[in-house]
Amino acid sequence: MDAIIGRYRLHMEDTGLILRHMSGINFDLTPAEALGLLNFLSAYRENLTSFSERETDHSLKRIAAEKAEQEDEQS
């Protein structure tokens, strides 16, 4: 069974769960590791839900990190 979640493709095999990022990085999780990840996500579900509910203020100006560092050095 396959699923796509955001930038990740998940594939369940007999040996465990394969989590593949669109950049090509693969995480081959054993069943125990997959269950550990599930337990971790379940424990922090409320926090994760609150993060996803926050909206970005699109009226804010985007500043690149390098530019911000240069401005800090100049002042």
PDB file of N, CA and C in Angstrom:
ATOM      1  N   MET A   1       0.836  -1.177   0.000  1.00  0.00           N
ATOM      2  CA  MET A   1       0.000   0.000   0.000  1.00  0.00           C
ATOM      3  C   MET A   1       0.884   1.245   0.000  1.00  0.00           C
ATOM      4  N   ASP A   2       0.559   2.210  -0.819  1.00  0.00           N
ATOM      5  CA  ASP A   2       1.298   3.467  -0.905  1.00  0.00           C
ATOM      6  C   ASP A   2       0.413   4.626  -0.461  1.00  0.00           C
ATOM      7  N   ALA A   3       1.047   5.649   0.057  1.00  0.00           N
ATOM      8  CA  ALA A   3       0.364   6.889   0.407  1.00  0.00           C
ATOM      9  C   ALA A   3       1.329   8.031   0.157  1.00  0.00           C
ATOM     10  N   ILE A   4       0.794   9.187  -0.154  1.00  0.00           N
ATOM     11  CA  ILE A   4       1.611  10.388  -0.323  1.00  0.00           C
ATOM     12  C   ILE A   4       1.148  11.388   0.725  1.00  0.00           C
ATOM     13  N   ILE A   5       2.099  11.848   1.526  1.00  0.00           N
ATOM     14  CA  ILE A   5       1.825  12.846   2.556  1.00  0.00           C
ATOM     15  C   ILE A   5       2.802  13.985   2.333  1.00  0.00           C
ATOM     16  N   GLY A   6       2.300  15.098   1.833  1.00  0.00           N
ATOM     17  CA  GLY A   6       3.162  16.249   1.560  1.00  0.00           C
ATOM     18  C   GLY A   6       4.267  15.886   0.593  1.00  0.00           C
ATOM     19  N   ARG A   7       5.507  16.011   1.032  1.00  0.00           N
ATOM     20  CA  ARG A   7       6.665  15.729   0.171  1.00  0.00           C
ATOM     21  C   ARG A   7       7.140  14.293   0.310  1.00  0.00           C
ATOM     22  N   TYR A   8       6.393  13.460   1.017  1.00  0.00           N
ATOM     23  CA  TYR A   8       6.833  12.097   1.304  1.00  0.00           C
ATOM     24  C   TYR A   8       5.914  11.058   0.668  1.00  0.00           C
ATOM     25  N   ARG A   9       6.520   9.995   0.164  1.00  0.00           N
ATOM     26  CA  ARG A   9       5.779   8.825  -0.302  1.00  0.00           C
ATOM     27  C   ARG A   9       6.056   7.714   0.695  1.00  0.00           C
ATOM     28  N   LEU A  10       5.004   7.080   1.159  1.00  0.00           N
ATOM     29  CA  LEU A  10       5.130   5.995   2.120  1.00  0.00           C
ATOM     30  C   LEU A  10       4.730   4.692   1.449  1.00  0.00           C
ATOM     31  N   HIS A  11       5.499   3.653   1.721  1.00  0.00           N
ATOM     32  CA  HIS A  11       5.225   2.340   1.150  1.00  0.00           C
ATOM     33  C   HIS A  11       5.417   1.294   2.231  1.00  0.00           C
ATOM     34  N   MET A  12       4.367   0.483   2.451  1.00  0.00           N
ATOM     35  CA  MET A  12       4.436  -0.576   3.447  1.00  0.00           C
ATOM     36  C   MET A  12       4.886  -1.857   2.766  1.00  0.00           C
ATOM     37  N   GLU A  13       5.920  -2.463   3.322  1.00  0.00           N
ATOM     38  CA  GLU A  13       6.420  -3.737   2.821  1.00  0.00           C
ATOM     39  C   GLU A  13       6.380  -4.754   3.952  1.00  0.00           C
ATOM     40  N   ASP A  14       6.705  -6.004   3.623  1.00  0.00           N
ATOM     41  CA  ASP A  14       6.730  -7.059   4.644  1.00  0.00           C
ATOM     42  C   ASP A  14       7.768  -6.776   5.722  1.00  0.00           C
ATOM     43  N   THR A  15       8.836  -6.063   5.342  1.00  0.00           N
ATOM     44  CA  THR A  15       9.934  -5.802   6.268  1.00  0.00           C
ATOM     45  C   THR A  15       9.755  -4.518   7.068  1.00  0.00           C
ATOM     46  N   GLY A  16       8.764  -3.702   6.728  1.00  0.00           N
ATOM     47  CA  GLY A  16       8.546  -2.460   7.457  1.00  0.00           C
ATOM     48  C   GLY A  16       8.019  -1.358   6.558  1.00  0.00           C
ATOM     49  N   LEU A  17       8.265  -0.135   6.950  1.00  0.00           N
ATOM     50  CA  LEU A  17       7.755   1.051   6.272  1.00  0.00           C
ATOM     51  C   LEU A  17       8.902   1.775   5.583  1.00  0.00           C
ATOM     52  N   ILE A  18       8.697   2.128   4.316  1.00  0.00           N
ATOM     53  CA  ILE A  18       9.680   2.939   3.595  1.00  0.00           C
ATOM     54  C   ILE A  18       9.092   4.325   3.422  1.00  0.00           C
ATOM     55  N   LEU A  19       9.827   5.307   3.909  1.00  0.00           N
ATOM     56  CA  LEU A  19       9.441   6.711   3.825  1.00  0.00           C
ATOM     57  C   LEU A  19      10.420   7.364   2.866  1.00  0.00           C
ATOM     58  N   ARG A  20       9.928   7.869   1.730  1.00  0.00           N
ATOM     59  CA  ARG A  20      10.800   8.418   0.693  1.00  0.00           C
ATOM     60  C   ARG A  20      10.486   9.900   0.488  1.00  0.00           C
ATOM     61  N   HIS A  21      11.497  10.744   0.671  1.00  0.00           N
ATOM     62  CA  HIS A  21      11.362  12.173   0.418  1.00  0.00           C
ATOM     63  C   HIS A  21      11.524  12.419  -1.074  1.00  0.00           C
ATOM     64  N   MET A  22      10.897  13.469  -1.580  1.00  0.00           N
ATOM     65  CA  MET A  22      10.951  13.755  -3.017  1.00  0.00           C
ATOM     66  C   MET A  22      12.364  14.030  -3.513  1.00  0.00           C
ATOM     67  N   SER A  23      13.300  14.353  -2.626  1.00  0.00           N
ATOM     68  CA  SER A  23      14.690  14.581  -3.029  1.00  0.00           C
ATOM     69  C   SER A  23      15.431  13.274  -3.261  1.00  0.00           C
ATOM     70  N   GLY A  24      14.809  12.134  -2.867  1.00  0.00           N
ATOM     71  CA  GLY A  24      15.428  10.841  -3.066  1.00  0.00           C
ATOM     72  C   GLY A  24      15.951  10.200  -1.793  1.00  0.00           C
ATOM     73  N   ILE A  25      15.869  10.889  -0.672  1.00  0.00           N
ATOM     74  CA  ILE A  25      16.316  10.321   0.596  1.00  0.00           C
ATOM     75  C   ILE A  25      15.268   9.309   1.066  1.00  0.00           C
ATOM     76  N   ASN A  26      15.724   8.114   1.432  1.00  0.00           N
ATOM     77  CA  ASN A  26      14.831   7.057   1.896  1.00  0.00           C
ATOM     78  C   ASN A  26      15.080   6.735   3.362  1.00  0.00           C
ATOM     79  N   PHE A  27      14.001   6.470   4.076  1.00  0.00           N
ATOM     80  CA  PHE A  27      14.070   5.992   5.442  1.00  0.00           C
ATOM     81  C   PHE A  27      13.385   4.635   5.465  1.00  0.00           C
ATOM     82  N   ASP A  28      14.141   3.600   5.737  1.00  0.00           N
ATOM     83  CA  ASP A  28      13.625   2.236   5.786  1.00  0.00           C
ATOM     84  C   ASP A  28      13.431   1.876   7.254  1.00  0.00           C
ATOM     85  N   LEU A  29      12.185   1.958   7.729  1.00  0.00           N
ATOM     86  CA  LEU A  29      11.886   1.754   9.139  1.00  0.00           C
ATOM     87  C   LEU A  29      11.434   0.319   9.387  1.00  0.00           C
ATOM     88  N   THR A  30      11.996  -0.299  10.409  1.00  0.00           N
ATOM     89  CA  THR A  30      11.530  -1.617  10.827  1.00  0.00           C
ATOM     90  C   THR A  30      10.135  -1.457  11.435  1.00  0.00           C
ATOM     91  N   PRO A  31       9.392  -2.549  11.588  1.00  0.00           N
ATOM     92  CA  PRO A  31       8.085  -2.416  12.237  1.00  0.00           C
ATOM     93  C   PRO A  31       8.176  -1.765  13.620  1.00  0.00           C
ATOM     94  N   ALA A  32       9.191  -2.106  14.397  1.00  0.00           N
ATOM     95  CA  ALA A  32       9.348  -1.509  15.735  1.00  0.00           C
ATOM     96  C   ALA A  32       9.609  -0.006  15.632  1.00  0.00           C
ATOM     97  N   GLU A  33      10.424   0.406  14.664  1.00  0.00           N
ATOM     98  CA  GLU A  33      10.707   1.831  14.486  1.00  0.00           C
ATOM     99  C   GLU A  33       9.463   2.575  14.011  1.00  0.00           C
ATOM    100  N   ALA A  34       8.698   1.960  13.114  1.00  0.00           N
ATOM    101  CA  ALA A  34       7.468   2.587  12.624  1.00  0.00           C
ATOM    102  C   ALA A  34       6.469   2.765  13.763  1.00  0.00           C
ATOM    103  N   LEU A  35       6.347   1.760  14.619  1.00  0.00           N
ATOM    104  CA  LEU A  35       5.445   1.873  15.770  1.00  0.00           C
ATOM    105  C   LEU A  35       5.948   2.917  16.761  1.00  0.00           C
ATOM    106  N   GLY A  36       7.259   3.021  16.932  1.00  0.00           N
ATOM    107  CA  GLY A  36       7.830   4.055  17.782  1.00  0.00           C
ATOM    108  C   GLY A  36       7.523   5.444  17.251  1.00  0.00           C
ATOM    109  N   LEU A  37       7.617   5.617  15.938  1.00  0.00           N
ATOM    110  CA  LEU A  37       7.274   6.894  15.310  1.00  0.00           C
ATOM    111  C   LEU A  37       5.796   7.200  15.502  1.00  0.00           C
ATOM    112  N   LEU A  38       4.945   6.187  15.341  1.00  0.00           N
ATOM    113  CA  LEU A  38       3.513   6.363  15.558  1.00  0.00           C
ATOM    114  C   LEU A  38       3.228   6.793  16.999  1.00  0.00           C
ATOM    115  N   ASN A  39       3.875   6.160  17.957  1.00  0.00           N
ATOM    116  CA  ASN A  39       3.691   6.537  19.364  1.00  0.00           C
ATOM    117  C   ASN A  39       4.141   7.973  19.618  1.00  0.00           C
ATOM    118  N   PHE A  40       5.263   8.357  19.028  1.00  0.00           N
ATOM    119  CA  PHE A  40       5.776   9.720  19.187  1.00  0.00           C
ATOM    120  C   PHE A  40       4.787  10.737  18.610  1.00  0.00           C
ATOM    121  N   LEU A  41       4.313  10.472  17.387  1.00  0.00           N
ATOM    122  CA  LEU A  41       3.374  11.399  16.745  1.00  0.00           C
ATOM    123  C   LEU A  41       2.061  11.462  17.509  1.00  0.00           C
ATOM    124  N   SER A  42       1.612  10.333  18.033  1.00  0.00           N
ATOM    125  CA  SER A  42       0.374  10.314  18.831  1.00  0.00           C
ATOM    126  C   SER A  42       0.528  11.146  20.095  1.00  0.00           C
ATOM    127  N   ALA A  43       1.680  11.040  20.741  1.00  0.00           N
ATOM    128  CA  ALA A  43       1.920  11.797  21.975  1.00  0.00           C
ATOM    129  C   ALA A  43       1.938  13.298  21.722  1.00  0.00           C
ATOM    130  N   TYR A  44       2.398  13.713  20.546  1.00  0.00           N
ATOM    131  CA  TYR A  44       2.508  15.144  20.241  1.00  0.00           C
ATOM    132  C   TYR A  44       1.451  15.607  19.246  1.00  0.00           C
ATOM    133  N   ARG A  45       0.388  14.840  19.092  1.00  0.00           N
ATOM    134  CA  ARG A  45      -0.655  15.164  18.117  1.00  0.00           C
ATOM    135  C   ARG A  45      -1.258  16.548  18.352  1.00  0.00           C
ATOM    136  N   GLU A  46      -1.561  16.870  19.597  1.00  0.00           N
ATOM    137  CA  GLU A  46      -2.167  18.166  19.906  1.00  0.00           C
ATOM    138  C   GLU A  46      -1.233  19.313  19.520  1.00  0.00           C
ATOM    139  N   ASN A  47       0.059  19.187  19.841  1.00  0.00           N
ATOM    140  CA  ASN A  47       1.026  20.230  19.480  1.00  0.00           C
ATOM    141  C   ASN A  47       1.135  20.364  17.969  1.00  0.00           C
ATOM    142  N   LEU A  48       1.216  19.234  17.264  1.00  0.00           N
ATOM    143  CA  LEU A  48       1.343  19.268  15.811  1.00  0.00           C
ATOM    144  C   LEU A  48       0.109  19.889  15.169  1.00  0.00           C
ATOM    145  N   THR A  49      -1.061  19.593  15.715  1.00  0.00           N
ATOM    146  CA  THR A  49      -2.295  20.168  15.187  1.00  0.00           C
ATOM    147  C   THR A  49      -2.301  21.681  15.363  1.00  0.00           C
ATOM    148  N   SER A  50      -1.814  22.164  16.506  1.00  0.00           N
ATOM    149  CA  SER A  50      -1.791  23.614  16.730  1.00  0.00           C
ATOM    150  C   SER A  50      -0.819  24.291  15.765  1.00  0.00           C
ATOM    151  N   PHE A  51       0.286  23.618  15.405  1.00  0.00           N
ATOM    152  CA  PHE A  51       1.217  24.197  14.433  1.00  0.00           C
ATOM    153  C   PHE A  51       0.568  24.332  13.075  1.00  0.00           C
ATOM    154  N   SER A  52      -0.183  23.327  12.661  1.00  0.00           N
ATOM    155  CA  SER A  52      -0.777  23.350  11.334  1.00  0.00           C
ATOM    156  C   SER A  52      -1.926  24.339  11.235  1.00  0.00           C
ATOM    157  N   GLU A  53      -2.487  24.727  12.377  1.00  0.00           N
ATOM    158  CA  GLU A  53      -3.600  25.677  12.362  1.00  0.00           C
ATOM    159  C   GLU A  53      -3.135  27.123  12.265  1.00  0.00           C
ATOM    160  N   ARG A  54      -1.869  27.360  12.549  1.00  0.00           N
ATOM    161  CA  ARG A  54      -1.350  28.727  12.457  1.00  0.00           C
ATOM    162  C   ARG A  54      -1.303  29.156  11.003  1.00  0.00           C
ATOM    163  N   GLU A  55      -1.712  30.368  10.752  1.00  0.00           N
ATOM    164  CA  GLU A  55      -1.679  30.885   9.396  1.00  0.00           C
ATOM    165  C   GLU A  55      -0.519  31.857   9.244  1.00  0.00           C
ATOM    166  N   THR A  56       0.062  31.851   8.079  1.00  0.00           N
ATOM    167  CA  THR A  56       1.146  32.769   7.776  1.00  0.00           C
ATOM    168  C   THR A  56       0.562  34.118   7.392  1.00  0.00           C
ATOM    169  N   ASP A  57       1.153  35.176   7.914  1.00  0.00           N
ATOM    170  CA  ASP A  57       0.738  36.519   7.536  1.00  0.00           C
ATOM    171  C   ASP A  57       1.426  36.854   6.222  1.00  0.00           C
ATOM    172  N   HIS A  58       0.667  36.799   5.133  1.00  0.00           N
ATOM    173  CA  HIS A  58       1.248  37.013   3.808  1.00  0.00           C
ATOM    174  C   HIS A  58       1.605  38.470   3.530  1.00  0.00           C
ATOM    175  N   SER A  59       1.213  39.370   4.435  1.00  0.00           N
ATOM    176  CA  SER A  59       1.566  40.768   4.227  1.00  0.00           C
ATOM    177  C   SER A  59       2.977  41.078   4.737  1.00  0.00           C
ATOM    178  N   LEU A  60       3.589  40.130   5.455  1.00  0.00           N
ATOM    179  CA  LEU A  60       4.946  40.349   5.943  1.00  0.00           C
ATOM    180  C   LEU A  60       5.944  40.255   4.796  1.00  0.00           C
ATOM    181  N   LYS A  61       6.979  41.072   4.867  1.00  0.00           N
ATOM    182  CA  LYS A  61       8.017  41.073   3.850  1.00  0.00           C
ATOM    183  C   LYS A  61       8.984  39.923   4.099  1.00  0.00           C
ATOM    184  N   ARG A  62       9.312  39.182   3.053  1.00  0.00           N
ATOM    185  CA  ARG A  62      10.254  38.074   3.169  1.00  0.00           C
ATOM    186  C   ARG A  62      11.671  38.638   3.135  1.00  0.00           C
ATOM    187  N   ILE A  63      12.522  38.177   4.067  1.00  0.00           N
ATOM    188  CA  ILE A  63      13.919  38.614   4.133  1.00  0.00           C
ATOM    189  C   ILE A  63      14.795  37.369   4.132  1.00  0.00           C
ATOM    190  N   ALA A  64      15.740  37.302   3.209  1.00  0.00           N
ATOM    191  CA  ALA A  64      16.667  36.168   3.145  1.00  0.00           C
ATOM    192  C   ALA A  64      17.599  36.218   4.345  1.00  0.00           C
ATOM    193  N   ALA A  65      17.998  35.061   4.853  1.00  0.00           N
ATOM    194  CA  ALA A  65      18.845  34.991   6.050  1.00  0.00           C
ATOM    195  C   ALA A  65      20.159  35.719   5.842  1.00  0.00           C
ATOM    196  N   GLU A  66      20.776  35.543   4.662  1.00  0.00           N
ATOM    197  CA  GLU A  66      22.058  36.201   4.402  1.00  0.00           C
ATOM    198  C   GLU A  66      21.914  37.718   4.428  1.00  0.00           C
ATOM    199  N   LYS A  67      20.827  38.214   3.867  1.00  0.00           N
ATOM    200  CA  LYS A  67      20.598  39.656   3.826  1.00  0.00           C
ATOM    201  C   LYS A  67      20.402  40.202   5.239  1.00  0.00           C
ATOM    202  N   ALA A  68      19.676  39.479   6.069  1.00  0.00           N
ATOM    203  CA  ALA A  68      19.446  39.910   7.445  1.00  0.00           C
ATOM    204  C   ALA A  68      20.753  39.946   8.218  1.00  0.00           C
ATOM    205  N   GLU A  69      21.628  38.948   8.010  1.00  0.00           N
ATOM    206  CA  GLU A  69      22.918  38.914   8.685  1.00  0.00           C
ATOM    207  C   GLU A  69      23.786  40.089   8.247  1.00  0.00           C
ATOM    208  N   GLN A  70      23.778  40.419   6.956  1.00  0.00           N
ATOM    209  CA  GLN A  70      24.567  41.531   6.454  1.00  0.00           C
ATOM    210  C   GLN A  70      24.066  42.854   7.048  1.00  0.00           C
ATOM    211  N   GLU A  71      22.744  42.999   7.152  1.00  0.00           N
ATOM    212  CA  GLU A  71      22.196  44.223   7.721  1.00  0.00           C
ATOM    213  C   GLU A  71      22.557  44.338   9.191  1.00  0.00           C
ATOM    214  N   ASP A  72      22.580  43.213   9.917  1.00  0.00           N
ATOM    215  CA  ASP A  72      22.962  43.233  11.334  1.00  0.00           C
ATOM    216  C   ASP A  72      24.424  43.637  11.492  1.00  0.00           C
ATOM    217  N   GLU A  73      25.300  43.154  10.595  1.00  0.00           N
ATOM    218  CA  GLU A  73      26.710  43.473  10.665  1.00  0.00           C
ATOM    219  C   GLU A  73      26.972  44.949  10.361  1.00  0.00           C
ATOM    220  N   GLN A  74      26.168  45.541   9.495  1.00  0.00           N
ATOM    221  CA  GLN A  74      26.350  46.934   9.103  1.00  0.00           C
ATOM    222  C   GLN A  74      25.872  47.889  10.182  1.00  0.00           C
ATOM    223  N   SER A  75      24.947  47.439  11.024  1.00  0.00           N
ATOM    224  CA  SER A  75      24.412  48.389  12.035  1.00  0.00           C
ATOM    225  C   SER A  75      25.177  48.324  13.340  1.00  0.00           C
TER     226      SER A  75
END
